[in-house]
Amino acid sequence: MELNENDSLEDSALKVKEGINQPEQVNPLALERARQLRHRTLSVDEFAEGILAGNRVVLSKAITLIESMSGVHQELSQRVIEKCLPYSGKSLRIGITGVPGVGKSTFIEALGVHITSQGHKLAVLAIDPSSSRTKGSILGDKTRMEELAVNENAFIRPSPSAGSLGGVARKTKETIILCEAAGFDVIFVETVGVGQSEIAVHSMVDFFLLLMLAGAGDELQGIKRGIMEMADAIFINKADGDNRWKANQSRLEYANALHLFPTPESGWTPATGTCSARTREGIPEVWNVIGKYETFTRQNGYFDRKRLYQKSLIMLETIAEGLKADFYSTEKIKILLPQIQGEMLNDKISSYVAAQKLINIYFDEKKSPSKPC
């Protein structure tokens, strides 16, 4: 359409009319309150009230306190945990591990979406490996679980392993207590990968799920048995397309292998199955197996016995960690450790004698009347 000299732009269809101003997407007052909350130090009561009310900002701040190495933060976090403890213990704790490349994050998202669609509230504690050199972590699980990250019934907390045993976050057990107090009735603990971390995770969960790949190769045989003996279920992931037949074959092989193992203390026969986190096939079956395990172990009393054993184990581990921290923070040990280590490296004394020397020095320091225990 061409405009004549006498035509007005006002009469033209080409004129763009002013639109209606859109309202703010987020309530600015609520946004400001959340910002102030993030930067303000809360009291123990404020932490407890916020967590019990399901406030995720407060829950995240409390978890950050737990992970902090600051003595002040640790003391505060323990008081918060003590307040939340009576409201914990009501969730189903599930450990999930698997060989590298098995698709743990995709699987967790698929299972998580299925669980939350049934009305459950899910907390995912994803352990990211820390660099032994820089102590840094990528903490990228939220970017790998896009659908679950925006799910109002899910909470994802990636945590650095901080160099603890096998990459398991040092304070994961305490974080579980806070998540349970916040109303999450299903807790996932994702491990870094196959290795020592599985032993630590197995000691803090009710159900241990092992994900495997079809035709993973003989290079994994050396680590499979120990992990398989801990597993309550083994599922072959990526069982879709041309891989479906191989996945079924692998499932049969694992099922046959499990029959050769001694009967677990729980009395439960570990289940096997196939699934595809990408297509979501077999995901409901995974949840059904977990439900059957919970019912079975609650009925025979193993579920509660295992929880009590885990509490005792946590106490003993905490004592060991406390003694270790106190040993290395003792001034005389700090001074003499390099010297005695040098004697050992120069073959003047053995490793065992060096260790005993340092232990004797530590106990002598503790007995000293000038340094009360």
Protein backbone atom coordinates (compact mmCIF):
# COMPACT_ATOMS: atom_id res chain seq x y z
CA MET A 1 0.00 0.00 0.00
CA GLU A 2 1.40 3.41 -0.98
CA LEU A 3 0.57 6.62 0.85
CA ASN A 4 -0.42 9.72 -1.14
CA GLU A 5 0.82 13.11 -0.09
CA ASN A 6 -2.65 13.98 1.26
CA ASP A 7 -3.00 10.70 3.24
CA SER A 8 -2.37 10.88 6.97
CA LEU A 9 -0.27 8.24 8.76
CA GLU A 10 -3.00 8.20 11.42
CA ASP A 11 -5.38 6.66 8.87
CA SER A 12 -2.87 4.07 7.70
CA ALA A 13 -2.96 0.38 8.67
CA LEU A 14 0.83 0.58 8.93
CA LYS A 15 0.64 2.68 12.08
CA VAL A 16 1.73 0.74 15.19
CA LYS A 17 -0.59 1.50 18.07
CA GLU A 18 0.69 1.73 21.60
CA GLY A 19 0.19 -1.46 23.56
CA ILE A 20 -0.97 -1.92 27.13
CA ASN A 21 1.74 -1.84 29.77
CA GLN A 22 2.25 -5.33 31.11
CA PRO A 23 2.23 -5.90 34.89
CA GLU A 24 5.42 -6.97 36.66
CA GLN A 25 6.15 -10.69 36.33
CA VAL A 26 7.34 -10.86 39.95
CA ASN A 27 5.98 -8.99 42.94
CA PRO A 28 8.73 -6.40 43.59
CA LEU A 29 7.98 -6.36 47.34
CA ALA A 30 8.33 -10.15 47.57
CA LEU A 31 11.55 -9.94 45.54
CA GLU A 32 12.97 -7.34 47.92
CA ARG A 33 12.01 -9.41 50.97
CA ALA A 34 13.74 -12.48 49.46
CA ARG A 35 16.85 -10.40 48.71
CA GLN A 36 17.01 -9.10 52.28
CA LEU A 37 16.51 -12.63 53.62
CA ARG A 38 19.45 -13.94 51.59
CA HIS A 39 21.83 -11.35 53.00
CA ARG A 40 20.67 -11.30 56.61
CA THR A 41 22.02 -13.58 59.32
CA LEU A 42 19.07 -15.43 60.81
CA SER A 43 18.65 -16.61 64.38
CA VAL A 44 18.29 -20.31 65.23
CA ASP A 45 14.53 -19.88 65.72
CA GLU A 46 14.17 -18.03 62.40
CA PHE A 47 16.05 -20.80 60.63
CA ALA A 48 13.90 -23.51 62.23
CA GLU A 49 10.62 -21.68 61.56
CA GLY A 50 11.56 -21.02 57.93
CA ILE A 51 12.62 -24.63 57.31
CA LEU A 52 9.48 -26.07 58.92
CA ALA A 53 7.40 -23.69 56.81
CA GLY A 54 9.08 -25.06 53.67
CA ASN A 55 10.88 -21.79 52.83
CA ARG A 56 13.52 -22.82 50.28
CA VAL A 57 15.63 -19.68 50.68
CA VAL A 58 15.99 -20.40 54.41
CA LEU A 59 16.61 -24.11 53.73
CA SER A 60 19.38 -23.25 51.24
CA LYS A 61 20.99 -20.84 53.73
CA ALA A 62 20.91 -23.53 56.42
CA ILE A 63 22.55 -26.08 54.11
CA THR A 64 25.24 -23.52 53.29
CA LEU A 65 25.90 -23.19 57.04
CA ILE A 66 26.27 -26.97 57.31
CA GLU A 67 28.79 -27.01 54.46
CA SER A 68 30.78 -24.10 55.88
CA MET A 69 34.13 -24.81 57.55
CA SER A 70 33.69 -21.82 59.87
CA GLY A 71 33.48 -22.79 63.54
CA VAL A 72 30.76 -20.16 64.14
CA HIS A 73 28.69 -21.47 61.24
CA GLN A 74 29.12 -25.08 62.35
CA GLU A 75 27.95 -24.27 65.87
CA LEU A 76 24.91 -22.40 64.52
CA SER A 77 24.07 -25.20 62.07
CA GLN A 78 24.15 -27.82 64.84
CA ARG A 79 21.66 -25.81 66.88
CA VAL A 80 19.39 -25.52 63.82
CA ILE A 81 19.65 -29.27 63.21
CA GLU A 82 18.77 -29.94 66.85
CA LYS A 83 15.60 -27.86 66.43
CA CYS A 84 14.65 -29.70 63.23
CA LEU A 85 15.53 -33.22 64.42
CA PRO A 86 12.09 -34.02 65.94
CA TYR A 87 10.50 -33.32 62.55
CA SER A 88 12.86 -35.52 60.52
CA GLY A 89 12.99 -39.21 59.69
CA LYS A 90 9.71 -39.42 57.78
CA SER A 91 11.13 -39.61 54.26
CA LEU A 92 12.22 -42.49 52.04
CA ARG A 93 15.95 -42.09 51.38
CA ILE A 94 17.21 -43.46 48.07
CA GLY A 95 20.84 -43.69 46.97
CA ILE A 96 21.45 -43.69 43.21
CA THR A 97 24.76 -44.59 41.62
CA GLY A 98 26.06 -45.99 38.37
CA VAL A 99 28.98 -46.31 36.02
CA PRO A 100 30.22 -43.14 34.27
CA GLY A 101 28.03 -42.25 31.28
CA VAL A 102 25.04 -44.27 32.51
CA GLY A 103 22.85 -41.15 32.53
CA LYS A 104 22.28 -40.63 36.26
CA SER A 105 21.12 -37.03 35.96
CA THR A 106 18.67 -37.81 33.14
CA PHE A 107 17.40 -40.82 35.07
CA ILE A 108 16.95 -38.82 38.29
CA GLU A 109 14.98 -36.18 36.40
CA ALA A 110 12.73 -38.80 34.78
CA LEU A 111 12.09 -40.63 38.06
CA GLY A 112 11.73 -37.33 39.92
CA VAL A 113 9.07 -36.04 37.54
CA HIS A 114 7.18 -39.34 37.91
CA ILE A 115 7.35 -39.20 41.72
CA THR A 116 6.30 -35.55 42.04
CA SER A 117 3.38 -36.15 39.64
CA GLN A 118 2.03 -38.55 42.30
CA GLY A 119 2.00 -35.83 44.95
CA HIS A 120 5.36 -36.50 46.59
CA LYS A 121 7.87 -33.78 47.49
CA LEU A 122 11.39 -34.64 46.32
CA ALA A 123 14.80 -33.36 47.43
CA VAL A 124 17.78 -34.26 45.23
CA LEU A 125 21.17 -34.05 46.91
CA ALA A 126 23.60 -34.30 44.04
CA ILE A 127 27.23 -34.63 45.04
CA ASP A 128 29.67 -32.88 42.69
CA PRO A 129 33.33 -33.95 42.82
CA SER A 130 35.69 -31.26 44.13
CA SER A 131 39.03 -30.74 42.50
CA SER A 132 41.80 -32.11 44.72
CA ARG A 133 43.99 -29.23 43.51
CA THR A 134 41.71 -26.17 43.51
CA LYS A 135 38.92 -27.56 45.76
CA GLY A 136 36.43 -26.16 43.22
CA SER A 137 33.30 -27.85 41.85
CA ILE A 138 31.19 -27.25 38.75
CA LEU A 139 27.87 -27.81 40.57
CA GLY A 140 26.06 -28.25 37.27
CA ASP A 141 23.25 -30.67 38.17
CA LYS A 142 20.55 -28.00 37.96
CA THR A 143 21.52 -27.32 34.35
CA ARG A 144 21.27 -31.05 33.56
CA MET A 145 17.83 -31.39 35.21
CA GLU A 146 15.98 -28.52 33.55
CA GLU A 147 12.47 -29.94 33.96
CA LEU A 148 12.95 -30.95 37.59
CA ALA A 149 14.69 -27.66 38.46
CA VAL A 150 11.47 -25.70 37.80
CA ASN A 151 9.20 -28.28 39.44
CA GLU A 152 7.53 -26.71 42.50
CA ASN A 153 7.55 -30.08 44.30
CA ALA A 154 11.28 -30.67 43.79
CA PHE A 155 14.38 -29.18 45.39
CA ILE A 156 17.82 -29.78 43.86
CA ARG A 157 20.91 -29.08 45.91
CA PRO A 158 24.27 -29.73 44.24
CA SER A 159 27.01 -29.87 46.88
CA PRO A 160 30.79 -30.06 46.57
CA SER A 161 32.33 -33.28 47.84
CA ALA A 162 35.03 -31.21 49.58
CA GLY A 163 37.54 -34.05 49.37
CA SER A 164 35.65 -36.38 51.70
CA LEU A 165 35.59 -40.17 51.37
CA GLY A 166 34.89 -41.20 47.79
CA GLY A 167 33.43 -37.82 46.92
CA VAL A 168 30.45 -37.97 49.27
CA ALA A 169 29.68 -34.53 50.71
CA ARG A 170 30.83 -34.27 54.32
CA LYS A 171 27.50 -33.02 55.62
CA THR A 172 25.01 -34.86 53.40
CA LYS A 173 23.52 -36.74 56.38
CA GLU A 174 22.75 -33.48 58.18
CA THR A 175 21.30 -31.97 55.00
CA ILE A 176 18.88 -34.92 54.81
CA ILE A 177 17.54 -33.99 58.27
CA LEU A 178 16.82 -30.41 57.18
CA CYS A 179 15.15 -31.50 53.93
CA GLU A 180 12.91 -33.91 55.84
CA ALA A 181 11.96 -31.18 58.32
CA ALA A 182 11.09 -28.95 55.33
CA GLY A 183 8.50 -31.51 54.25
CA PHE A 184 10.30 -33.48 51.53
CA ASP A 185 9.13 -37.10 51.82
CA VAL A 186 11.50 -38.58 49.22
CA ILE A 187 15.25 -37.88 49.26
CA PHE A 188 17.62 -38.81 46.43
CA VAL A 189 21.36 -38.96 47.12
CA GLU A 190 23.29 -39.12 43.86
CA THR A 191 26.91 -40.26 44.11
CA VAL A 192 29.83 -39.12 41.99
CA GLY A 193 30.24 -42.55 40.40
CA VAL A 194 31.32 -46.09 41.10
CA GLY A 195 33.93 -46.17 43.85
CA GLN A 196 34.31 -45.72 47.59
CA SER A 197 31.49 -43.15 47.70
CA GLU A 198 28.93 -45.96 47.42
CA ILE A 199 29.96 -47.32 50.83
CA ALA A 200 29.29 -43.94 52.44
CA VAL A 201 25.99 -43.39 50.61
CA HIS A 202 24.80 -46.92 51.46
CA SER A 203 25.23 -45.99 55.13
CA MET A 204 22.77 -43.08 54.90
CA VAL A 205 19.94 -44.35 52.67
CA ASP A 206 17.10 -46.88 52.90
CA PHE A 207 17.26 -48.13 49.31
CA PHE A 208 20.32 -48.39 47.08
CA LEU A 209 19.81 -48.33 43.31
CA LEU A 210 22.54 -49.26 40.84
CA LEU A 211 22.26 -48.12 37.21
CA MET A 212 24.19 -50.06 34.60
CA LEU A 213 24.70 -50.02 30.83
CA ALA A 214 24.26 -52.91 28.44
CA GLY A 215 27.60 -54.36 27.32
CA ALA A 216 29.69 -52.09 29.56
CA GLY A 217 32.72 -54.32 29.04
CA ASP A 218 35.08 -56.46 31.11
CA GLU A 219 36.98 -53.42 32.40
CA LEU A 220 34.19 -52.90 34.94
CA GLN A 221 34.11 -56.45 36.26
CA GLY A 222 36.57 -55.70 39.06
CA ILE A 223 34.29 -53.13 40.66
CA LYS A 224 30.90 -54.66 39.97
CA ARG A 225 30.73 -57.34 42.64
CA GLY A 226 31.26 -55.08 45.66
CA ILE A 227 28.70 -52.56 44.40
CA MET A 228 26.24 -55.26 43.33
CA GLU A 229 26.28 -56.80 46.80
CA MET A 230 25.09 -53.47 48.21
CA ALA A 231 22.40 -52.90 45.57
CA ASP A 232 18.71 -53.42 46.35
CA ALA A 233 17.92 -53.11 42.64
CA ILE A 234 19.88 -53.03 39.40
CA PHE A 235 18.36 -51.35 36.35
CA ILE A 236 19.87 -51.24 32.88
CA ASN A 237 19.40 -47.71 31.56
CA LYS A 238 19.25 -46.57 27.90
CA ALA A 239 17.12 -49.61 27.02
CA ASP A 240 15.60 -48.08 23.89
CA GLY A 241 15.85 -48.46 20.12
CA ASP A 242 18.46 -50.93 18.92
CA ASN A 243 19.85 -51.21 22.44
CA ARG A 244 16.69 -52.79 23.83
CA TRP A 245 17.69 -56.40 23.12
CA LYS A 246 21.18 -55.98 24.60
CA ALA A 247 19.69 -54.35 27.69
CA ASN A 248 17.38 -57.32 28.27
CA GLN A 249 20.30 -59.71 27.89
CA SER A 250 22.31 -57.72 30.43
CA ARG A 251 19.37 -57.76 32.83
CA LEU A 252 19.25 -61.57 32.67
CA GLU A 253 23.00 -61.80 33.29
CA TYR A 254 22.78 -59.58 36.38
CA ALA A 255 19.73 -61.45 37.66
CA ASN A 256 21.63 -64.75 37.39
CA ALA A 257 24.70 -63.28 39.06
CA LEU A 258 22.67 -61.94 42.00
CA HIS A 259 21.42 -65.46 42.78
CA LEU A 260 25.03 -66.46 43.52
CA PHE A 261 25.39 -63.87 46.27
CA PRO A 262 24.47 -64.54 49.90
CA THR A 263 20.97 -63.49 50.96
CA PRO A 264 21.10 -59.87 52.18
CA GLU A 265 20.39 -59.12 55.84
CA SER A 266 17.15 -57.44 54.76
CA GLY A 267 15.84 -60.72 53.35
CA TRP A 268 15.00 -58.87 50.13
CA THR A 269 15.97 -60.43 46.80
CA PRO A 270 17.53 -57.61 44.72
CA ALA A 271 15.36 -56.73 41.71
CA THR A 272 16.55 -56.24 38.14
CA GLY A 273 14.96 -54.40 35.25
CA THR A 274 15.45 -52.19 32.20
CA CYS A 275 14.48 -48.59 31.63
CA SER A 276 15.07 -45.60 29.40
CA ALA A 277 15.40 -42.23 31.10
CA ARG A 278 15.17 -40.57 27.67
CA THR A 279 11.84 -42.11 26.65
CA ARG A 280 10.63 -42.60 30.27
CA GLU A 281 9.95 -46.30 29.58
CA GLY A 282 10.34 -48.47 32.67
CA ILE A 283 10.52 -45.48 35.04
CA PRO A 284 7.20 -46.29 36.80
CA GLU A 285 8.49 -49.85 37.30
CA VAL A 286 11.55 -48.50 39.12
CA TRP A 287 9.31 -46.62 41.56
CA ASN A 288 7.12 -49.71 42.03
CA VAL A 289 10.18 -51.78 42.98
CA ILE A 290 11.24 -49.14 45.53
CA GLY A 291 7.72 -49.18 47.00
CA LYS A 292 7.72 -52.98 47.28
CA TYR A 293 11.10 -52.88 49.03
CA GLU A 294 9.88 -50.31 51.56
CA THR A 295 6.75 -52.36 52.35
CA PHE A 296 8.76 -55.60 52.65
CA THR A 297 11.46 -54.18 54.95
CA ARG A 298 9.00 -52.28 57.14
CA GLN A 299 7.00 -55.45 57.68
CA ASN A 300 10.00 -57.56 58.70
CA GLY A 301 11.49 -54.77 60.86
CA TYR A 302 14.71 -54.33 58.86
CA PHE A 303 13.82 -50.78 57.77
CA ASP A 304 13.83 -49.46 61.36
CA ARG A 305 16.83 -51.59 62.43
CA LYS A 306 18.88 -50.16 59.58
CA ARG A 307 17.92 -46.59 60.54
CA LEU A 308 19.05 -47.20 64.15
CA TYR A 309 22.33 -48.71 62.96
CA GLN A 310 22.92 -45.70 60.72
CA LYS A 311 22.42 -43.32 63.65
CA SER A 312 25.07 -45.17 65.67
CA LEU A 313 27.40 -45.17 62.66
CA ILE A 314 27.02 -41.41 62.24
CA MET A 315 27.92 -40.88 65.91
CA LEU A 316 31.06 -43.02 65.63
CA GLU A 317 32.12 -41.34 62.36
CA THR A 318 31.61 -37.91 63.93
CA ILE A 319 33.82 -38.91 66.87
CA ALA A 320 36.53 -40.09 64.46
CA GLU A 321 36.30 -36.86 62.41
CA GLY A 322 36.43 -34.74 65.59
CA LEU A 323 39.50 -36.54 66.91
CA LYS A 324 41.24 -36.24 63.57
CA ALA A 325 40.51 -32.51 63.35
CA ASP A 326 41.71 -31.97 66.94
CA PHE A 327 44.89 -33.98 66.29
CA TYR A 328 45.94 -31.87 63.30
CA SER A 329 44.97 -28.58 64.96
CA THR A 330 47.21 -29.25 68.01
CA GLU A 331 50.06 -26.71 67.91
CA LYS A 332 52.85 -29.14 68.85
CA ILE A 333 51.69 -31.59 66.15
CA LYS A 334 51.73 -28.76 63.59
CA ILE A 335 55.31 -27.97 64.53
CA LEU A 336 56.71 -31.52 64.79
CA LEU A 337 54.77 -33.20 61.96
CA PRO A 338 57.11 -31.93 59.16
CA GLN A 339 60.18 -32.87 61.19
CA ILE A 340 59.04 -36.43 61.98
CA GLN A 341 57.75 -36.83 58.43
CA GLY A 342 61.22 -35.82 57.18
CA GLU A 343 62.86 -38.49 59.36
CA MET A 344 60.49 -41.07 57.91
CA LEU A 345 61.13 -40.00 54.30
CA ASN A 346 64.89 -40.23 54.91
CA ASP A 347 64.43 -43.80 56.22
CA LYS A 348 65.59 -42.90 59.71
CA ILE A 349 62.37 -44.28 61.20
CA SER A 350 59.54 -46.39 59.78
CA SER A 351 56.07 -45.05 58.95
CA TYR A 352 54.60 -46.90 61.95
CA VAL A 353 57.17 -45.47 64.40
CA ALA A 354 56.57 -41.97 62.97
CA ALA A 355 52.82 -42.34 63.46
CA GLN A 356 53.24 -43.66 67.03
CA LYS A 357 55.58 -40.78 67.89
CA LEU A 358 52.99 -38.24 66.78
CA ILE A 359 50.19 -40.04 68.61
CA ASN A 360 52.25 -40.08 71.82
CA ILE A 361 52.98 -36.35 71.45
CA TYR A 362 49.26 -35.67 70.95
CA PHE A 363 48.23 -37.60 74.08
CA ASP A 364 51.00 -35.98 76.13
CA GLU A 365 49.66 -32.57 75.08
CA LYS A 366 46.14 -33.56 76.10
CA LYS A 367 47.39 -34.73 79.52
CA SER A 368 49.25 -31.49 80.12
CA PRO A 369 47.69 -29.61 83.09
CA SER A 370 48.29 -26.28 81.35
CA LYS A 371 46.02 -27.40 78.49
CA PRO A 372 42.76 -28.72 79.87
CA CYS A 373 40.94 -31.27 77.70
